[in-house]
PDB file of N, CA and C in Angstrom:
ATOM      1  N   UNK A   1     -19.115  25.380  33.148  1.00  0.00           N
ATOM      2  CA  UNK A   1     -18.305  25.248  32.554  1.00  0.00           C
ATOM      3  C   UNK A   1     -18.803  24.898  31.016  1.00  0.00           C
ATOM      4  N   UNK A   2     -19.489  24.302  30.930  1.00  0.00           N
ATOM      5  CA  UNK A   2     -19.824  23.566  29.488  1.00  0.00           C
ATOM      6  C   UNK A   2     -20.185  25.062  28.756  1.00  0.00           C
ATOM      7  N   UNK A   3     -20.672  25.809  29.228  1.00  0.00           N
ATOM      8  CA  UNK A   3     -21.403  26.943  28.537  1.00  0.00           C
ATOM      9  C   UNK A   3     -20.159  27.775  27.900  1.00  0.00           C
ATOM     10  N   UNK A   4     -19.268  27.728  28.939  1.00  0.00           N
ATOM     11  CA  UNK A   4     -18.023  28.706  28.778  1.00  0.00           C
ATOM     12  C   UNK A   4     -17.266  28.257  27.491  1.00  0.00           C
ATOM     13  N   UNK A   5     -17.047  26.770  27.705  1.00  0.00           N
ATOM     14  CA  UNK A   5     -16.070  25.723  26.664  1.00  0.00           C
ATOM     15  C   UNK A   5     -16.884  26.428  25.331  1.00  0.00           C
ATOM     16  N   UNK A   6     -18.072  26.067  25.118  1.00  0.00           N
ATOM     17  CA  UNK A   6     -18.818  26.191  24.140  1.00  0.00           C
ATOM     18  C   UNK A   6     -18.646  27.555  23.337  1.00  0.00           C
ATOM     19  N   UNK A   7     -18.596  28.631  24.246  1.00  0.00           N
ATOM     20  CA  UNK A   7     -18.876  30.009  23.682  1.00  0.00           C
ATOM     21  C   UNK A   7     -17.296  30.077  23.194  1.00  0.00           C
ATOM     22  N   UNK A   8     -16.207  29.840  23.886  1.00  0.00           N
ATOM     23  CA  UNK A   8     -14.810  29.599  23.200  1.00  0.00           C
ATOM     24  C   UNK A   8     -14.765  28.933  22.016  1.00  0.00           C
ATOM     25  N   UNK A   9     -14.930  27.611  21.937  1.00  0.00           N
ATOM     26  CA  UNK A   9     -15.456  26.976  20.798  1.00  0.00           C
ATOM     27  C   UNK A   9     -15.748  27.840  19.742  1.00  0.00           C
ATOM     28  N   UNK A  10     -16.932  28.290  19.748  1.00  0.00           N
ATOM     29  CA  UNK A  10     -17.606  28.978  18.881  1.00  0.00           C
ATOM     30  C   UNK A  10     -16.827  29.940  18.303  1.00  0.00           C
ATOM     31  N   UNK A  11     -16.158  31.052  19.144  1.00  0.00           N
ATOM     32  CA  UNK A  11     -15.438  32.222  19.088  1.00  0.00           C
ATOM     33  C   UNK A  11     -14.390  31.920  17.968  1.00  0.00           C
ATOM     34  N   UNK A  12     -13.628  30.701  18.158  1.00  0.00           N
ATOM     35  CA  UNK A  12     -12.683  30.221  17.494  1.00  0.00           C
ATOM     36  C   UNK A  12     -12.991  29.784  16.032  1.00  0.00           C
ATOM     37  N   UNK A  13     -14.100  29.011  16.102  1.00  0.00           N
ATOM     38  CA  UNK A  13     -14.473  28.545  14.979  1.00  0.00           C
ATOM     39  C   UNK A  13     -15.154  29.507  14.017  1.00  0.00           C
ATOM     40  N   UNK A  14     -15.718  30.480  14.702  1.00  0.00           N
ATOM     41  CA  UNK A  14     -16.401  31.544  13.658  1.00  0.00           C
ATOM     42  C   UNK A  14     -14.842  32.553  13.164  1.00  0.00           C
ATOM     43  N   UNK A  15     -14.084  32.657  13.744  1.00  0.00           N
ATOM     44  CA  UNK A  15     -12.936  33.326  13.809  1.00  0.00           C
ATOM     45  C   UNK A  15     -12.055  32.546  12.618  1.00  0.00           C
ATOM     46  N   UNK A  16     -11.952  31.340  12.787  1.00  0.00           N
ATOM     47  CA  UNK A  16     -11.147  30.837  11.529  1.00  0.00           C
ATOM     48  C   UNK A  16     -11.837  30.735  10.276  1.00  0.00           C
ATOM     49  N   UNK A  17     -13.185  30.858  10.436  1.00  0.00           N
ATOM     50  CA  UNK A  17     -14.183  30.664   9.202  1.00  0.00           C
ATOM     51  C   UNK A  17     -13.900  32.097   8.482  1.00  0.00           C
ATOM     52  N   UNK A  18     -13.772  33.109   9.102  1.00  0.00           N
ATOM     53  CA  UNK A  18     -14.036  34.406   8.434  1.00  0.00           C
ATOM     54  C   UNK A  18     -12.243  35.201   8.064  1.00  0.00           C
ATOM     55  N   UNK A  19     -11.267  34.071   8.496  1.00  0.00           N
ATOM     56  CA  UNK A  19     -10.167  34.637   7.954  1.00  0.00           C
ATOM     57  C   UNK A  19      -9.825  34.493   6.520  1.00  0.00           C
ATOM     58  N   UNK A  20      -8.992  35.453   6.124  1.00  0.00           N
ATOM     59  CA  UNK A  20      -8.853  35.492   4.685  1.00  0.00           C
ATOM     60  C   UNK A  20      -7.182  35.168   4.657  1.00  0.00           C
ATOM     61  N   UNK A  21      -6.514  36.317   5.172  1.00  0.00           N
ATOM     62  CA  UNK A  21      -4.845  36.286   5.272  1.00  0.00           C
ATOM     63  C   UNK A  21      -4.371  35.211   5.915  1.00  0.00           C
ATOM     64  N   UNK A  22      -5.007  35.049   7.024  1.00  0.00           N
ATOM     65  CA  UNK A  22      -5.039  34.332   8.161  1.00  0.00           C
ATOM     66  C   UNK A  22      -4.841  32.424   7.326  1.00  0.00           C
ATOM     67  N   UNK A  23      -5.761  32.071   6.521  1.00  0.00           N
ATOM     68  CA  UNK A  23      -5.621  30.927   6.147  1.00  0.00           C
ATOM     69  C   UNK A  23      -4.710  30.727   5.107  1.00  0.00           C
ATOM     70  N   UNK A  24      -4.098  31.679   4.579  1.00  0.00           N
ATOM     71  CA  UNK A  24      -2.687  31.347   3.679  1.00  0.00           C
ATOM     72  C   UNK A  24      -1.581  31.353   4.775  1.00  0.00           C
ATOM     73  N   UNK A  25      -1.556  32.076   5.881  1.00  0.00           N
ATOM     74  CA  UNK A  25      -0.412  31.937   6.630  1.00  0.00           C
ATOM     75  C   UNK A  25      -0.496  30.347   7.449  1.00  0.00           C
ATOM     76  N   UNK A  26      -1.416  30.069   7.604  1.00  0.00           N
ATOM     77  CA  UNK A  26      -1.686  28.697   8.565  1.00  0.00           C
ATOM     78  C   UNK A  26      -1.163  27.950   7.372  1.00  0.00           C
ATOM     79  N   UNK A  27      -1.607  27.895   6.255  1.00  0.00           N
ATOM     80  CA  UNK A  27      -0.917  26.936   5.294  1.00  0.00           C
ATOM     81  C   UNK A  27       0.538  26.688   5.225  1.00  0.00           C
ATOM     82  N   UNK A  28       1.191  28.018   5.174  1.00  0.00           N
ATOM     83  CA  UNK A  28       2.789  28.061   4.966  1.00  0.00           C
ATOM     84  C   UNK A  28       3.269  27.465   6.201  1.00  0.00           C
ATOM     85  N   UNK A  29       2.797  27.651   7.713  1.00  0.00           N
ATOM     86  CA  UNK A  29       3.236  27.157   8.631  1.00  0.00           C
ATOM     87  C   UNK A  29       2.910  25.801   8.636  1.00  0.00           C
ATOM     88  N   UNK A  30       2.114  25.217   8.069  1.00  0.00           N
ATOM     89  CA  UNK A  30       2.132  23.776   7.949  1.00  0.00           C
ATOM     90  C   UNK A  30       2.729  23.157   7.102  1.00  0.00           C
ATOM     91  N   UNK A  31       3.046  23.681   5.835  1.00  0.00           N
ATOM     92  CA  UNK A  31       3.892  23.215   5.286  1.00  0.00           C
ATOM     93  C   UNK A  31       5.551  23.340   5.660  1.00  0.00           C
ATOM     94  N   UNK A  32       5.853  24.438   6.154  1.00  0.00           N
ATOM     95  CA  UNK A  32       7.119  24.579   6.878  1.00  0.00           C
ATOM     96  C   UNK A  32       7.263  23.353   7.961  1.00  0.00           C
ATOM     97  N   UNK A  33       6.320  23.335   8.832  1.00  0.00           N
ATOM     98  CA  UNK A  33       6.571  22.176   9.800  1.00  0.00           C
ATOM     99  C   UNK A  33       6.590  20.607   9.269  1.00  0.00           C
ATOM    100  N   UNK A  34       5.883  20.519   8.264  1.00  0.00           N
ATOM    101  CA  UNK A  34       5.983  19.309   7.732  1.00  0.00           C
ATOM    102  C   UNK A  34       7.416  19.090   7.136  1.00  0.00           C
ATOM    103  N   UNK A  35       8.127  20.091   6.163  1.00  0.00           N
ATOM    104  CA  UNK A  35       9.044  20.109   6.010  1.00  0.00           C
ATOM    105  C   UNK A  35      10.290  19.749   6.782  1.00  0.00           C
ATOM    106  N   UNK A  36      10.187  20.633   8.330  1.00  0.00           N
ATOM    107  CA  UNK A  36      11.234  20.467   9.270  1.00  0.00           C
ATOM    108  C   UNK A  36      11.070  18.937   9.958  1.00  0.00           C
ATOM    109  N   UNK A  37      10.127  18.561  10.109  1.00  0.00           N
ATOM    110  CA  UNK A  37       9.819  17.090  10.904  1.00  0.00           C
ATOM    111  C   UNK A  37       9.793  16.012  10.220  1.00  0.00           C
ATOM    112  N   UNK A  38       9.420  16.105   8.877  1.00  0.00           N
ATOM    113  CA  UNK A  38       9.156  15.202   7.838  1.00  0.00           C
ATOM    114  C   UNK A  38      10.668  15.064   6.916  1.00  0.00           C
ATOM    115  N   UNK A  39      10.838  16.013   6.399  1.00  0.00           N
ATOM    116  CA  UNK A  39      11.580  15.836   5.320  1.00  0.00           C
ATOM    117  C   UNK A  39      13.434  15.895   5.807  1.00  0.00           C
ATOM    118  N   UNK A  40      13.596  16.515   6.879  1.00  0.00           N
ATOM    119  CA  UNK A  40      14.920  16.990   7.510  1.00  0.00           C
ATOM    120  C   UNK A  40      15.022  15.954   8.166  1.00  0.00           C
ATOM    121  N   UNK A  41      14.214  15.172   8.763  1.00  0.00           N
ATOM    122  CA  UNK A  41      14.694  13.880   9.762  1.00  0.00           C
ATOM    123  C   UNK A  41      14.968  12.851   8.531  1.00  0.00           C
ATOM    124  N   UNK A  42      14.446  12.700   7.486  1.00  0.00           N
ATOM    125  CA  UNK A  42      14.974  11.681   6.825  1.00  0.00           C
ATOM    126  C   UNK A  42      16.493  11.840   6.493  1.00  0.00           C
ATOM    127  N   UNK A  43      16.966  13.060   6.152  1.00  0.00           N
ATOM    128  CA  UNK A  43      18.200  13.298   5.302  1.00  0.00           C
ATOM    129  C   UNK A  43      19.200  13.526   6.506  1.00  0.00           C
ATOM    130  N   UNK A  44      18.746  14.417   7.504  1.00  0.00           N
ATOM    131  CA  UNK A  44      19.814  14.537   8.649  1.00  0.00           C
ATOM    132  C   UNK A  44      19.848  13.951   9.914  1.00  0.00           C
ATOM    133  N   UNK A  45      19.011  13.354   9.920  1.00  0.00           N
ATOM    134  CA  UNK A  45      18.551  12.489  11.652  1.00  0.00           C
ATOM    135  C   UNK A  45      18.530  10.985  11.040  1.00  0.00           C
ATOM    136  N   UNK A  46      19.526  10.149  10.688  1.00  0.00           N
ATOM    137  CA  UNK A  46      19.359   8.704  10.466  1.00  0.00           C
ATOM    138  C   UNK A  46      19.118   8.065  11.761  1.00  0.00           C
ATOM    139  N   UNK A  47      18.551   6.916  11.541  1.00  0.00           N
ATOM    140  CA  UNK A  47      18.106   6.233  12.684  1.00  0.00           C
ATOM    141  C   UNK A  47      19.261   5.264  13.353  1.00  0.00           C
ATOM    142  N   UNK A  48      20.170   6.260  14.201  1.00  0.00           N
ATOM    143  CA  UNK A  48      21.491   5.666  14.589  1.00  0.00           C
ATOM    144  C   UNK A  48      21.611   3.854  15.116  1.00  0.00           C
ATOM    145  N   UNK A  49      20.313   3.824  15.754  1.00  0.00           N
ATOM    146  CA  UNK A  49      20.441   2.789  16.565  1.00  0.00           C
ATOM    147  C   UNK A  49      20.109   1.509  15.753  1.00  0.00           C
ATOM    148  N   UNK A  50      19.242   1.881  14.796  1.00  0.00           N
ATOM    149  CA  UNK A  50      18.795   0.574  13.865  1.00  0.00           C
ATOM    150  C   UNK A  50      20.107   0.268  12.900  1.00  0.00           C
ATOM    151  N   UNK A  51      20.851   1.396  12.826  1.00  0.00           N
ATOM    152  CA  UNK A  51      21.994   0.905  11.570  1.00  0.00           C
ATOM    153  C   UNK A  51      23.147   0.467  12.257  1.00  0.00           C
ATOM    154  N   UNK A  52      23.139   0.649  13.617  1.00  0.00           N
ATOM    155  CA  UNK A  52      24.499   0.295  14.096  1.00  0.00           C
ATOM    156  C   UNK A  52      24.207  -0.751  15.137  1.00  0.00           C
ATOM    157  N   UNK A  53      23.036  -1.405  15.280  1.00  0.00           N
ATOM    158  CA  UNK A  53      23.202  -2.466  16.159  1.00  0.00           C
ATOM    159  C   UNK A  53      22.111  -3.242  15.931  1.00  0.00           C
ATOM    160  N   UNK A  54      21.905  -4.600  15.857  1.00  0.00           N
ATOM    161  CA  UNK A  54      21.195  -5.751  15.269  1.00  0.00           C
ATOM    162  C   UNK A  54      20.012  -6.158  15.998  1.00  0.00           C
ATOM    163  N   UNK A  55      20.149  -6.042  17.392  1.00  0.00           N
ATOM    164  CA  UNK A  55      18.980  -6.691  18.502  1.00  0.00           C
ATOM    165  C   UNK A  55      18.315  -5.719  19.383  1.00  0.00           C
ATOM    166  N   UNK A  56      17.513  -5.669  19.781  1.00  0.00           N
ATOM    167  CA  UNK A  56      16.818  -4.729  20.900  1.00  0.00           C
ATOM    168  C   UNK A  56      17.689  -4.859  22.166  1.00  0.00           C
ATOM    169  N   UNK A  57      18.222  -5.877  22.256  1.00  0.00           N
ATOM    170  CA  UNK A  57      19.249  -5.882  23.693  1.00  0.00           C
ATOM    171  C   UNK A  57      20.406  -5.078  23.507  1.00  0.00           C
ATOM    172  N   UNK A  58      21.218  -5.053  21.994  1.00  0.00           N
ATOM    173  CA  UNK A  58      22.453  -4.349  21.937  1.00  0.00           C
ATOM    174  C   UNK A  58      21.758  -2.953  21.895  1.00  0.00           C
ATOM    175  N   UNK A  59      20.785  -2.385  21.599  1.00  0.00           N
ATOM    176  CA  UNK A  59      20.288  -1.066  21.588  1.00  0.00           C
ATOM    177  C   UNK A  59      19.898  -0.610  22.931  1.00  0.00           C
ATOM    178  N   UNK A  60      19.291  -1.468  23.734  1.00  0.00           N
ATOM    179  CA  UNK A  60      18.850  -1.114  24.974  1.00  0.00           C
ATOM    180  C   UNK A  60      20.140  -0.575  25.917  1.00  0.00           C
ATOM    181  N   UNK A  61      21.026  -1.751  25.752  1.00  0.00           N
ATOM    182  CA  UNK A  61      22.533  -1.801  26.549  1.00  0.00           C
ATOM    183  C   UNK A  61      23.266  -0.402  26.362  1.00  0.00           C
ATOM    184  N   UNK A  62      22.886   0.106  25.057  1.00  0.00           N
ATOM    185  CA  UNK A  62      23.860   1.292  24.503  1.00  0.00           C
ATOM    186  C   UNK A  62      22.959   2.451  24.852  1.00  0.00           C
ATOM    187  N   UNK A  63      21.786   2.369  25.157  1.00  0.00           N
ATOM    188  CA  UNK A  63      20.971   3.494  25.548  1.00  0.00           C
ATOM    189  C   UNK A  63      21.251   3.836  27.023  1.00  0.00           C
ATOM    190  N   UNK A  64      21.043   2.556  27.899  1.00  0.00           N
ATOM    191  CA  UNK A  64      21.539   2.560  29.198  1.00  0.00           C
ATOM    192  C   UNK A  64      22.871   2.993  29.468  1.00  0.00           C
ATOM    193  N   UNK A  65      23.917   2.545  28.577  1.00  0.00           N
ATOM    194  CA  UNK A  65      25.102   2.841  29.226  1.00  0.00           C
ATOM    195  C   UNK A  65      25.516   4.464  28.895  1.00  0.00           C
ATOM    196  N   UNK A  66      24.510   5.160  27.876  1.00  0.00           N
ATOM    197  CA  UNK A  66      24.718   6.562  27.520  1.00  0.00           C
ATOM    198  C   UNK A  66      24.065   7.621  28.510  1.00  0.00           C
ATOM    199  N   UNK A  67      22.997   6.676  29.076  1.00  0.00           N
ATOM    200  CA  UNK A  67      22.211   7.486  30.117  1.00  0.00           C
ATOM    201  C   UNK A  67      22.701   7.442  31.401  1.00  0.00           C
ATOM    202  N   UNK A  68      23.614   6.550  31.993  1.00  0.00           N
ATOM    203  CA  UNK A  68      24.351   6.274  32.979  1.00  0.00           C
ATOM    204  C   UNK A  68      25.697   6.553  33.217  1.00  0.00           C
ATOM    205  N   UNK A  69      26.509   6.873  32.167  1.00  0.00           N
ATOM    206  CA  UNK A  69      28.003   7.241  32.355  1.00  0.00           C
ATOM    207  C   UNK A  69      27.962   8.427  32.922  1.00  0.00           C
ATOM    208  N   UNK A  70      29.187   8.592  33.498  1.00  0.00           N
ATOM    209  CA  UNK A  70      29.535   9.802  34.453  1.00  0.00           C
ATOM    210  C   UNK A  70      30.205  10.656  33.201  1.00  0.00           C
ATOM    211  N   UNK A  71      30.120  12.176  33.728  1.00  0.00           N
ATOM    212  CA  UNK A  71      30.500  13.038  32.556  1.00  0.00           C
ATOM    213  C   UNK A  71      31.768  13.091  32.733  1.00  0.00           C
ATOM    214  N   UNK A  72      32.680  13.333  31.639  1.00  0.00           N
ATOM    215  CA  UNK A  72      34.045  13.694  31.837  1.00  0.00           C
ATOM    216  C   UNK A  72      34.332  15.066  32.203  1.00  0.00           C
ATOM    217  N   UNK A  73      35.310  15.261  33.275  1.00  0.00           N
ATOM    218  CA  UNK A  73      35.456  16.376  33.801  1.00  0.00           C
ATOM    219  C   UNK A  73      37.016  17.154  33.444  1.00  0.00           C
ATOM    220  N   UNK A  74      36.956  18.194  32.728  1.00  0.00           N
ATOM    221  CA  UNK A  74      38.110  18.662  32.405  1.00  0.00           C
ATOM    222  C   UNK A  74      38.841  19.605  33.372  1.00  0.00           C
ATOM    223  N   UNK A  75      39.852  18.962  33.856  1.00  0.00           N
ATOM    224  CA  UNK A  75      40.736  19.578  35.168  1.00  0.00           C
ATOM    225  C   UNK A  75      41.823  20.379  34.312  1.00  0.00           C
ATOM    226  N   UNK A  76      41.929  21.376  34.704  1.00  0.00           N
ATOM    227  CA  UNK A  76      43.061  22.202  34.024  1.00  0.00           C
ATOM    228  C   UNK A  76      43.897  22.732  35.476  1.00  0.00           C
TER     229      UNK A  76
END
């Protein structure tokens, strides 16, 4: 099993070393992921629990209420 794992590791290591266009594409992918998860989170997803509740007990109660409440059914 270790022989197979080392062969797979060597295959990927050598492949990444010989990339030219692929390195640029990986850099673009990493930059896009950073923008999506770090920058957009700061501006579009504020920390709702910290801004609206002061204590951990209030936050826990709100989360528990949201998770356990019955869904509203629209009867027509």
